Each structure stands twice: as structure tokens, then as C-alpha cells.
């Protein structure tokens, strides 16, 4: 009986220790690196100048690059309404949804980004092509039923096919003028 109780208590202690070590805070990156200081400065600037589109774009892109799609979503959704209508910021939101595994939301948002880009002088042909390629890749992921784009090998294939389609379309446009 005593041994059984000791084994149960040992098991509980091991379980509690494992739970505590698994829940300890973990930094996204080393706070001593220059990148951490740059991010902190960017966050401060963006919070002080909430209506600055370029700062909001940079912050959203930085969060994506650091693998923090939830922070990207919060940044874009928390931005003032006039900034939220920006096609490039909408594109970042789509990328964040994709990185979060929300492929259907990513596709709908990519379609919105492309639609917002049409007719805007600030949207260059290169930007339009990038938005179309992203939308096409997401459409493939949805058709194929991809649930976790980061872990599914079909994601790379979808982007390669979308890029190939964009190149072929580009060649067709260049050849049409000859």
C-alpha cells in the first residue's frame, strides 16, 4: 500500500513538473538581439501614429516574418478603418489567415485585396500580379482541402503552379503586342 501511494505521488509530481515546464513563457526571439529592439521601436511608433499606413504595413509584415500571424491579424483588424481598406494591408491579413490555417478566410481576404487593388494608381502591375498569384494558390488549397498550409506539401505545389500560371499569362501579354 505504501509503495503504491509513493508511486502515485511520484507520478503526480512528475506530471506537475512537466506541466509547469511546458507552460513557462518563451520569447519569440532573443530580447538582446537588435531585431527585438527594432520591433519594439516599430510597435511604439505604430501605436503613437495609428493612422500611418506605412508603419502599420511594416508592423504587419514584421509579425508575419517572425511567424506571428495572430499578431498580424490583431494589427490589421485593430487599425483604423481607412487603413484596413488598403489592398496591401488586406493582403497581409490574408497571409496571416493562411499561416493560421484559416484557408477559407485567407482566400476570401485575398479576393478582397485583389478587388481593392483594381483601379488604384498605387497598385502597380507587379502588385496586382502578386495578389492574383496568391489568390490562385489559395483557391487551389481550398479545392484540395488543405487544412494546415504550413505542414502540407501541397502548399508549395499550389504556389509553384500559381507562379507558373502567372508567368504564362505574362508571356502571353508580352507576346500580344508583337
Protein backbone atom coordinates (compact mmCIF):
# COMPACT_ATOMS: atom_id res chain seq x y z
CA UNK A 1 0.00 0.00 0.00
CA UNK A 2 2.80 2.37 0.91
CA UNK A 3 4.68 1.66 -2.32
CA UNK A 4 1.53 2.21 -4.36
CA UNK A 5 0.97 5.59 -2.68
CA UNK A 6 4.60 6.55 -3.28
CA UNK A 7 4.33 5.65 -6.97
CA UNK A 8 1.11 7.67 -7.35
CA UNK A 9 2.68 10.68 -5.61
CA UNK A 10 5.81 10.40 -7.74
CA UNK A 11 3.65 10.25 -10.85
CA UNK A 12 1.71 13.34 -9.78
CA UNK A 13 4.93 15.23 -9.08
CA UNK A 14 6.36 14.30 -12.47
CA UNK A 15 3.13 15.33 -14.20
CA UNK A 16 3.04 18.67 -12.35
CA UNK A 17 6.70 19.31 -13.18
CA UNK A 18 6.13 18.57 -16.85
CA UNK A 19 3.08 20.82 -16.95
CA UNK A 20 4.95 23.68 -15.31
CA UNK A 21 7.96 23.42 -17.62
CA UNK A 22 5.71 23.24 -20.70
CA UNK A 23 3.85 26.39 -19.71
CA UNK A 24 6.86 28.57 -19.00
CA UNK A 25 7.00 31.76 -21.06
CA UNK A 26 9.09 31.66 -24.17
CA UNK A 27 10.31 34.66 -26.13
CA UNK A 28 9.72 34.75 -29.86
CA UNK A 29 13.36 35.68 -30.27
CA UNK A 30 16.27 36.72 -28.09
CA UNK A 31 15.42 40.09 -26.49
CA UNK A 32 19.10 41.03 -26.57
CA UNK A 33 19.20 40.98 -30.36
CA UNK A 34 18.88 44.15 -32.38
CA UNK A 35 15.80 42.72 -34.05
CA UNK A 36 13.94 42.83 -30.73
CA UNK A 37 14.82 46.47 -30.25
CA UNK A 38 13.77 47.29 -33.81
CA UNK A 39 10.44 45.52 -33.31
CA UNK A 40 9.84 47.36 -30.03
CA UNK A 41 10.59 50.68 -31.73
CA UNK A 42 8.28 49.80 -34.62
CA UNK A 43 5.50 48.79 -32.22
CA UNK A 44 5.91 52.05 -30.28
CA UNK A 45 5.89 54.15 -33.44
CA UNK A 46 2.85 52.35 -34.85
CA UNK A 47 0.92 52.79 -31.60
CA UNK A 48 1.80 56.51 -31.44
CA UNK A 49 0.91 57.06 -35.11
CA UNK A 50 -2.09 54.76 -35.58
CA UNK A 51 -3.15 56.43 -38.85
CA UNK A 52 0.25 55.93 -40.51
CA UNK A 53 -0.35 53.36 -43.23
CA UNK A 54 3.32 52.65 -43.89
CA UNK A 55 4.08 51.95 -40.21
CA UNK A 56 1.08 49.63 -39.96
CA UNK A 57 2.15 47.81 -43.13
CA UNK A 58 5.69 47.39 -41.79
CA UNK A 59 4.48 46.13 -38.42
CA UNK A 60 2.11 43.58 -40.01
CA UNK A 61 4.86 42.38 -42.36
CA UNK A 62 7.33 42.08 -39.48
CA UNK A 63 4.96 39.99 -37.41
CA UNK A 64 4.40 37.69 -40.40
CA UNK A 65 8.14 37.35 -40.96
CA UNK A 66 8.58 36.44 -37.29
CA UNK A 67 5.93 33.72 -37.57
CA UNK A 68 3.33 35.56 -35.50
CA UNK A 69 0.19 35.53 -37.69
CA UNK A 70 -2.08 36.19 -34.72
CA UNK A 71 -0.31 39.49 -34.06
CA UNK A 72 -0.57 40.35 -37.75
CA UNK A 73 -4.33 39.72 -37.64
CA UNK A 74 -4.67 41.83 -34.50
CA UNK A 75 -2.64 44.65 -36.06
CA UNK A 76 -4.67 44.79 -39.26
CA UNK A 77 -8.07 44.30 -37.63
CA UNK A 78 -7.22 46.87 -34.95
CA UNK A 79 -6.11 49.50 -37.45
CA UNK A 80 -8.34 52.48 -38.19
CA UNK A 81 -10.98 51.70 -40.84
CA UNK A 82 -9.37 53.80 -43.57
CA UNK A 83 -6.14 51.81 -43.23
CA UNK A 84 -7.99 48.50 -43.21
CA UNK A 85 -9.20 49.17 -46.76
CA UNK A 86 -5.62 49.26 -48.08
CA UNK A 87 -5.05 46.40 -50.57
CA UNK A 88 -1.56 45.59 -49.29
CA UNK A 89 -2.67 45.53 -45.67
CA UNK A 90 -5.61 43.35 -46.71
CA UNK A 91 -3.09 41.08 -48.44
CA UNK A 92 -1.08 40.81 -45.19
CA UNK A 93 -4.30 39.83 -43.41
CA UNK A 94 -4.86 37.11 -46.00
CA UNK A 95 -1.32 35.81 -45.50
CA UNK A 96 -1.85 35.78 -41.73
CA UNK A 97 -5.08 33.81 -42.08
CA UNK A 98 -3.26 31.33 -44.28
CA UNK A 99 -0.41 30.98 -41.78
CA UNK A 100 -3.02 30.38 -39.07
CA UNK A 101 -4.59 27.55 -41.06
CA UNK A 102 -7.73 29.55 -41.91
CA UNK A 103 -7.52 28.83 -45.64
CA UNK A 104 -11.13 29.75 -46.49
CA UNK A 105 -10.76 33.11 -44.72
CA UNK A 106 -7.41 33.63 -46.45
CA UNK A 107 -8.97 33.06 -49.88
CA UNK A 108 -11.88 35.43 -49.23
CA UNK A 109 -9.49 38.07 -47.94
CA UNK A 110 -7.14 37.58 -50.92
CA UNK A 111 -10.08 38.12 -53.27
CA UNK A 112 -10.93 41.30 -51.37
CA UNK A 113 -7.32 42.52 -51.57
CA UNK A 114 -7.24 41.98 -55.33
CA UNK A 115 -10.60 43.73 -55.78
CA UNK A 116 -9.39 46.70 -53.69
CA UNK A 117 -6.25 46.92 -55.79
CA UNK A 118 -8.05 47.20 -59.13
CA UNK A 119 -8.19 50.76 -60.38
CA UNK A 120 -5.93 52.18 -57.68
CA UNK A 121 -2.97 54.12 -59.04
CA UNK A 122 -0.82 52.89 -56.12
CA UNK A 123 -1.27 49.25 -57.24
CA UNK A 124 1.42 48.53 -59.77
CA UNK A 125 1.11 45.71 -62.30
CA UNK A 126 3.64 43.76 -60.21
CA UNK A 127 1.47 44.18 -57.10
CA UNK A 128 -1.62 43.11 -59.00
CA UNK A 129 0.20 40.04 -60.33
CA UNK A 130 1.38 39.10 -56.82
CA UNK A 131 -2.13 39.43 -55.42
CA UNK A 132 -3.59 37.35 -58.26
CA UNK A 133 -0.93 34.66 -57.79
CA UNK A 134 -1.64 34.48 -54.05
CA UNK A 135 -5.37 34.24 -54.68
CA UNK A 136 -4.87 31.46 -57.26
CA UNK A 137 -2.66 29.46 -54.88
CA UNK A 138 -5.22 29.80 -52.09
CA UNK A 139 -8.02 28.73 -54.44
CA UNK A 140 -6.05 25.55 -55.15
CA UNK A 141 -5.52 24.91 -51.43
CA UNK A 142 -9.25 25.27 -50.81
CA UNK A 143 -10.09 22.95 -53.74
CA UNK A 144 -7.63 20.37 -52.43
CA UNK A 145 -8.95 20.59 -48.88
CA UNK A 146 -5.68 21.71 -47.30
CA UNK A 147 -6.26 22.45 -43.62
CA UNK A 148 -2.72 23.19 -42.43
CA UNK A 149 -0.81 25.01 -45.17
CA UNK A 150 2.42 25.18 -43.17
CA UNK A 151 2.61 21.40 -42.85
CA UNK A 152 1.05 20.27 -46.11
CA UNK A 153 3.41 19.68 -49.04
CA UNK A 154 0.68 20.65 -51.46
CA UNK A 155 1.09 24.26 -50.40
CA UNK A 156 4.42 24.55 -52.19
CA UNK A 157 2.92 22.88 -55.24
CA UNK A 158 -0.01 25.32 -55.28
CA UNK A 159 2.37 28.28 -55.20
CA UNK A 160 4.59 26.83 -57.93
CA UNK A 161 1.55 26.22 -60.15
CA UNK A 162 0.17 29.69 -59.48
CA UNK A 163 3.55 31.21 -60.27
CA UNK A 164 3.78 29.20 -63.48
CA UNK A 165 0.28 30.36 -64.48
CA UNK A 166 1.27 33.97 -63.82
CA UNK A 167 4.42 33.59 -65.93
CA UNK A 168 2.49 32.06 -68.82
CA UNK A 169 -0.09 34.86 -68.63
CA UNK A 170 2.74 37.41 -68.56
CA UNK A 171 4.35 35.86 -71.64
CA UNK A 172 1.00 35.94 -73.41
CA UNK A 173 0.58 39.63 -72.63
CA UNK A 174 4.11 40.42 -73.76
CA UNK A 175 3.70 38.40 -76.94
CA UNK A 176 0.34 40.00 -77.78
CA UNK A 177 1.95 43.32 -78.58
CA UNK A 178 4.36 41.88 -81.13
